[in-house]
Amino acid sequence: MRYYEVVPTRIFRADSDILTYTSEQALEPGFIVTVPLGKLTVVAVIWNAVKKPDFPTKPITRIIYDTPLPPHLLTSAKWLSEYYLCPLPEVIRAILPAGVEKKRRQK
């Protein structure tokens, strides 16, 4: 079992930007995934891998894309969040393409 800090694209609490989830697969920072957040399922970005926490975690629902975001984009998002005092989930939502969470039909 692997544990990851993820940044959801929704603001869930004013004083926190990152949540911890679990996955059976080995994932890299930058993967775009879906995670349960309360009663909703939201899009999130894997921020980094962490050790097993001392609290229960929920599983990552699915991986949306097989290719992770480039590391320089994640670094830029963190800088934007700190420089402009903007919540990290809002910056992540801004850098992701519109409609990333839409379900596409298979051809």
N, C-alpha and C. Protein backbone atom coordinates (compact mmCIF):
# COMPACT_ATOMS: atom_id res chain seq x y z
N MET A 1 0.85 -1.17 0.00
CA MET A 1 0.00 0.00 0.00
C MET A 1 0.90 1.24 0.00
N ARG A 2 0.59 2.18 -0.88
CA ARG A 2 1.36 3.42 -0.98
C ARG A 2 0.48 4.61 -0.60
N TYR A 3 1.09 5.63 -0.05
CA TYR A 3 0.36 6.80 0.43
C TYR A 3 0.85 8.04 -0.30
N TYR A 4 -0.10 8.90 -0.65
CA TYR A 4 0.23 10.09 -1.43
C TYR A 4 -0.50 11.31 -0.90
N GLU A 5 0.17 12.44 -0.95
CA GLU A 5 -0.49 13.71 -0.69
C GLU A 5 -1.02 14.21 -2.03
N VAL A 6 -2.27 14.62 -2.06
CA VAL A 6 -2.89 15.10 -3.28
C VAL A 6 -3.48 16.49 -3.05
N VAL A 7 -3.58 17.25 -4.13
CA VAL A 7 -4.21 18.57 -4.08
C VAL A 7 -5.49 18.48 -4.89
N PRO A 8 -6.65 18.52 -4.24
CA PRO A 8 -7.91 18.50 -4.99
C PRO A 8 -8.15 19.83 -5.69
N THR A 9 -9.03 19.83 -6.68
CA THR A 9 -9.33 21.07 -7.41
C THR A 9 -10.45 21.85 -6.74
N ARG A 10 -10.90 21.42 -5.60
CA ARG A 10 -11.91 22.14 -4.81
C ARG A 10 -11.31 22.54 -3.48
N ILE A 11 -11.70 23.72 -3.01
CA ILE A 11 -11.28 24.16 -1.68
C ILE A 11 -12.17 23.43 -0.68
N PHE A 12 -11.58 22.66 0.20
CA PHE A 12 -12.34 21.87 1.15
C PHE A 12 -12.29 22.45 2.56
N ARG A 13 -11.27 23.24 2.86
CA ARG A 13 -11.14 23.88 4.15
C ARG A 13 -10.20 25.07 3.98
N ALA A 14 -10.46 26.14 4.66
CA ALA A 14 -9.72 27.38 4.44
C ALA A 14 -8.24 27.29 4.83
N ASP A 15 -7.90 26.46 5.80
CA ASP A 15 -6.52 26.44 6.29
C ASP A 15 -5.70 25.26 5.79
N SER A 16 -6.20 24.52 4.81
CA SER A 16 -5.49 23.34 4.33
C SER A 16 -5.67 23.16 2.83
N ASP A 17 -4.61 22.71 2.15
CA ASP A 17 -4.65 22.52 0.70
C ASP A 17 -4.40 21.09 0.27
N ILE A 18 -3.81 20.27 1.13
CA ILE A 18 -3.34 18.95 0.74
C ILE A 18 -4.00 17.88 1.62
N LEU A 19 -4.40 16.78 0.99
CA LEU A 19 -4.98 15.63 1.69
C LEU A 19 -4.15 14.39 1.40
N THR A 20 -4.28 13.37 2.24
CA THR A 20 -3.54 12.13 2.07
C THR A 20 -4.49 11.02 1.64
N TYR A 21 -4.11 10.30 0.59
CA TYR A 21 -4.89 9.17 0.06
C TYR A 21 -3.96 7.99 -0.16
N THR A 22 -4.55 6.84 -0.43
CA THR A 22 -3.79 5.62 -0.63
C THR A 22 -4.04 5.05 -2.02
N SER A 23 -3.09 4.25 -2.50
CA SER A 23 -3.23 3.59 -3.79
C SER A 23 -2.40 2.32 -3.80
N GLU A 24 -2.86 1.35 -4.55
CA GLU A 24 -2.10 0.11 -4.72
C GLU A 24 -0.99 0.31 -5.75
N GLN A 25 -1.18 1.26 -6.68
CA GLN A 25 -0.23 1.48 -7.76
C GLN A 25 0.85 2.47 -7.34
N ALA A 26 2.01 2.35 -7.99
CA ALA A 26 3.08 3.33 -7.79
C ALA A 26 2.79 4.52 -8.70
N LEU A 27 2.64 5.69 -8.09
CA LEU A 27 2.32 6.90 -8.85
C LEU A 27 3.41 7.94 -8.63
N GLU A 28 3.56 8.81 -9.62
CA GLU A 28 4.53 9.89 -9.54
C GLU A 28 3.81 11.20 -9.25
N PRO A 29 4.51 12.18 -8.72
CA PRO A 29 3.90 13.51 -8.58
C PRO A 29 3.48 14.04 -9.95
N GLY A 30 2.30 14.63 -9.99
CA GLY A 30 1.79 15.19 -11.23
C GLY A 30 0.70 14.38 -11.88
N PHE A 31 0.47 13.14 -11.44
CA PHE A 31 -0.61 12.35 -12.01
C PHE A 31 -1.95 13.01 -11.67
N ILE A 32 -2.84 13.05 -12.65
CA ILE A 32 -4.18 13.59 -12.45
C ILE A 32 -5.10 12.42 -12.12
N VAL A 33 -5.75 12.49 -10.96
CA VAL A 33 -6.56 11.39 -10.46
C VAL A 33 -7.91 11.91 -9.98
N THR A 34 -8.79 10.99 -9.62
CA THR A 34 -10.02 11.37 -8.94
C THR A 34 -9.99 10.76 -7.54
N VAL A 35 -10.50 11.53 -6.58
CA VAL A 35 -10.51 11.09 -5.18
C VAL A 35 -11.86 11.42 -4.56
N PRO A 36 -12.28 10.64 -3.56
CA PRO A 36 -13.50 11.00 -2.84
C PRO A 36 -13.23 12.15 -1.87
N LEU A 37 -14.11 13.13 -1.89
CA LEU A 37 -14.00 14.28 -0.99
C LEU A 37 -15.39 14.53 -0.44
N GLY A 38 -15.62 14.02 0.76
CA GLY A 38 -16.96 14.08 1.33
C GLY A 38 -17.88 13.16 0.54
N LYS A 39 -18.99 13.70 0.05
CA LYS A 39 -19.93 12.91 -0.75
C LYS A 39 -19.63 13.01 -2.24
N LEU A 40 -18.66 13.83 -2.61
CA LEU A 40 -18.32 14.05 -4.01
C LEU A 40 -17.08 13.27 -4.42
N THR A 41 -16.90 13.13 -5.72
CA THR A 41 -15.65 12.63 -6.27
C THR A 41 -15.08 13.77 -7.10
N VAL A 42 -13.86 14.21 -6.76
CA VAL A 42 -13.27 15.38 -7.41
C VAL A 42 -11.94 15.02 -8.07
N VAL A 43 -11.53 15.86 -8.99
CA VAL A 43 -10.24 15.72 -9.65
C VAL A 43 -9.16 16.26 -8.72
N ALA A 44 -8.02 15.60 -8.71
CA ALA A 44 -6.90 16.01 -7.86
C ALA A 44 -5.59 15.71 -8.57
N VAL A 45 -4.52 16.29 -8.08
CA VAL A 45 -3.19 16.06 -8.62
C VAL A 45 -2.32 15.48 -7.51
N ILE A 46 -1.60 14.41 -7.82
CA ILE A 46 -0.67 13.81 -6.86
C ILE A 46 0.45 14.82 -6.60
N TRP A 47 0.66 15.16 -5.34
CA TRP A 47 1.69 16.14 -4.99
C TRP A 47 3.00 15.46 -4.66
N ASN A 48 2.97 14.46 -3.77
CA ASN A 48 4.18 13.68 -3.47
C ASN A 48 3.80 12.43 -2.68
N ALA A 49 4.75 11.51 -2.59
CA ALA A 49 4.56 10.28 -1.82
C ALA A 49 4.98 10.54 -0.38
N VAL A 50 4.27 9.90 0.56
CA VAL A 50 4.55 10.07 1.98
C VAL A 50 4.57 8.72 2.68
N LYS A 51 5.06 8.71 3.90
CA LYS A 51 5.02 7.49 4.72
C LYS A 51 3.60 7.24 5.20
N LYS A 52 3.37 6.06 5.72
CA LYS A 52 2.04 5.71 6.22
C LYS A 52 1.67 6.65 7.37
N PRO A 53 0.53 7.34 7.23
CA PRO A 53 0.11 8.24 8.31
C PRO A 53 -0.52 7.46 9.46
N ASP A 54 -0.71 8.11 10.58
CA ASP A 54 -1.31 7.47 11.75
C ASP A 54 -2.82 7.68 11.82
N PHE A 55 -3.42 8.02 10.70
CA PHE A 55 -4.88 8.18 10.61
C PHE A 55 -5.38 7.40 9.39
N PRO A 56 -6.66 7.05 9.36
CA PRO A 56 -7.18 6.29 8.22
C PRO A 56 -7.26 7.16 6.95
N THR A 57 -7.02 6.52 5.81
CA THR A 57 -7.06 7.24 4.53
C THR A 57 -8.01 6.54 3.58
N LYS A 58 -8.49 7.30 2.60
CA LYS A 58 -9.36 6.75 1.57
C LYS A 58 -8.53 6.43 0.33
N PRO A 59 -9.02 5.52 -0.53
CA PRO A 59 -8.26 5.18 -1.73
C PRO A 59 -8.49 6.18 -2.86
N ILE A 60 -7.48 6.30 -3.72
CA ILE A 60 -7.62 7.07 -4.95
C ILE A 60 -8.56 6.29 -5.86
N THR A 61 -9.56 6.96 -6.41
CA THR A 61 -10.59 6.29 -7.20
C THR A 61 -10.06 5.80 -8.54
N ARG A 62 -9.49 6.71 -9.33
CA ARG A 62 -8.94 6.30 -10.63
C ARG A 62 -7.92 7.31 -11.11
N ILE A 63 -7.11 6.87 -12.07
CA ILE A 63 -6.13 7.72 -12.72
C ILE A 63 -6.75 8.21 -14.02
N ILE A 64 -6.79 9.53 -14.21
CA ILE A 64 -7.43 10.08 -15.41
C ILE A 64 -6.50 9.99 -16.61
N TYR A 65 -5.23 10.40 -16.45
CA TYR A 65 -4.26 10.35 -17.53
C TYR A 65 -3.05 9.54 -17.11
N ASP A 66 -2.45 8.84 -18.07
CA ASP A 66 -1.27 8.02 -17.78
C ASP A 66 0.02 8.84 -17.71
N THR A 67 -0.01 10.06 -18.23
CA THR A 67 1.16 10.91 -18.24
C THR A 67 1.04 11.97 -17.15
N PRO A 68 2.03 12.08 -16.26
CA PRO A 68 1.94 13.09 -15.20
C PRO A 68 2.24 14.49 -15.73
N LEU A 69 1.82 15.50 -14.97
CA LEU A 69 2.18 16.87 -15.28
C LEU A 69 3.69 17.04 -15.09
N PRO A 70 4.32 17.91 -15.87
CA PRO A 70 5.77 18.10 -15.70
C PRO A 70 6.10 18.73 -14.34
N PRO A 71 7.25 18.38 -13.78
CA PRO A 71 7.63 18.90 -12.46
C PRO A 71 7.70 20.42 -12.40
N HIS A 72 8.14 21.07 -13.48
CA HIS A 72 8.24 22.53 -13.45
C HIS A 72 6.86 23.19 -13.35
N LEU A 73 5.82 22.51 -13.82
CA LEU A 73 4.47 23.06 -13.71
C LEU A 73 3.98 23.00 -12.26
N LEU A 74 4.32 21.92 -11.55
CA LEU A 74 3.97 21.81 -10.14
C LEU A 74 4.73 22.84 -9.30
N THR A 75 6.00 23.05 -9.63
CA THR A 75 6.79 24.06 -8.92
C THR A 75 6.21 25.45 -9.15
N SER A 76 5.81 25.71 -10.39
CA SER A 76 5.21 27.01 -10.71
C SER A 76 3.88 27.21 -9.98
N ALA A 77 3.10 26.15 -9.88
CA ALA A 77 1.82 26.24 -9.18
C ALA A 77 2.03 26.57 -7.70
N LYS A 78 3.00 25.94 -7.09
CA LYS A 78 3.31 26.22 -5.68
C LYS A 78 3.77 27.66 -5.50
N TRP A 79 4.63 28.13 -6.42
CA TRP A 79 5.10 29.51 -6.34
C TRP A 79 3.95 30.50 -6.51
N LEU A 80 3.07 30.26 -7.49
CA LEU A 80 1.92 31.13 -7.71
C LEU A 80 1.04 31.20 -6.47
N SER A 81 0.83 30.06 -5.85
CA SER A 81 0.00 29.99 -4.65
C SER A 81 0.60 30.82 -3.51
N GLU A 82 1.89 30.71 -3.32
CA GLU A 82 2.54 31.44 -2.23
C GLU A 82 2.68 32.93 -2.54
N TYR A 83 3.04 33.28 -3.77
CA TYR A 83 3.29 34.66 -4.13
C TYR A 83 2.00 35.49 -4.12
N TYR A 84 0.93 34.94 -4.69
CA TYR A 84 -0.33 35.66 -4.79
C TYR A 84 -1.30 35.35 -3.65
N LEU A 85 -0.85 34.58 -2.64
CA LEU A 85 -1.68 34.21 -1.49
C LEU A 85 -3.02 33.63 -1.94
N CYS A 86 -2.93 32.74 -2.88
CA CYS A 86 -4.11 32.08 -3.45
C CYS A 86 -4.09 30.61 -3.02
N PRO A 87 -5.24 30.02 -2.69
CA PRO A 87 -5.24 28.61 -2.31
C PRO A 87 -4.70 27.72 -3.44
N LEU A 88 -3.89 26.75 -3.08
CA LEU A 88 -3.30 25.84 -4.05
C LEU A 88 -4.34 25.12 -4.90
N PRO A 89 -5.50 24.70 -4.35
CA PRO A 89 -6.51 24.07 -5.21
C PRO A 89 -7.00 24.97 -6.34
N GLU A 90 -7.08 26.28 -6.12
CA GLU A 90 -7.50 27.18 -7.18
C GLU A 90 -6.45 27.28 -8.28
N VAL A 91 -5.18 27.28 -7.89
CA VAL A 91 -4.10 27.33 -8.88
C VAL A 91 -4.08 26.03 -9.70
N ILE A 92 -4.25 24.90 -9.04
CA ILE A 92 -4.27 23.62 -9.75
C ILE A 92 -5.44 23.58 -10.72
N ARG A 93 -6.60 24.05 -10.31
CA ARG A 93 -7.76 24.08 -11.20
C ARG A 93 -7.49 24.97 -12.42
N ALA A 94 -6.74 26.06 -12.22
CA ALA A 94 -6.43 26.98 -13.32
C ALA A 94 -5.44 26.39 -14.33
N ILE A 95 -4.50 25.56 -13.85
CA ILE A 95 -3.50 25.03 -14.78
C ILE A 95 -3.98 23.78 -15.51
N LEU A 96 -5.01 23.11 -14.99
CA LEU A 96 -5.53 21.93 -15.68
C LEU A 96 -6.41 22.36 -16.84
N PRO A 97 -6.44 21.58 -17.91
CA PRO A 97 -7.29 21.93 -19.04
C PRO A 97 -8.77 21.85 -18.66
N ALA A 98 -9.57 22.70 -19.29
CA ALA A 98 -11.02 22.69 -19.03
C ALA A 98 -11.60 21.35 -19.46
N GLY A 99 -12.51 20.83 -18.67
CA GLY A 99 -13.16 19.57 -19.01
C GLY A 99 -12.34 18.34 -18.72
N VAL A 100 -11.31 18.46 -17.89
CA VAL A 100 -10.47 17.30 -17.59
C VAL A 100 -11.26 16.20 -16.88
N GLU A 101 -12.29 16.59 -16.14
CA GLU A 101 -13.07 15.60 -15.41
C GLU A 101 -14.25 15.05 -16.21
N LYS A 102 -14.44 15.53 -17.43
CA LYS A 102 -15.55 15.04 -18.25
C LYS A 102 -15.28 13.61 -18.66
N LYS A 103 -16.35 12.83 -18.70
CA LYS A 103 -16.22 11.45 -19.14
C LYS A 103 -16.36 11.41 -20.66
N ARG A 104 -15.38 10.84 -21.31
CA ARG A 104 -15.36 10.75 -22.76
C ARG A 104 -15.88 9.39 -23.21
N ARG A 105 -16.55 9.40 -24.32
CA ARG A 105 -17.00 8.13 -24.89
C ARG A 105 -15.84 7.44 -25.59
N GLN A 106 -15.80 6.15 -25.50
CA GLN A 106 -14.78 5.37 -26.20
C GLN A 106 -15.18 5.25 -27.66
N LYS A 107 -14.22 5.39 -28.55
CA LYS A 107 -14.50 5.24 -29.98
C LYS A 107 -14.33 3.81 -30.39
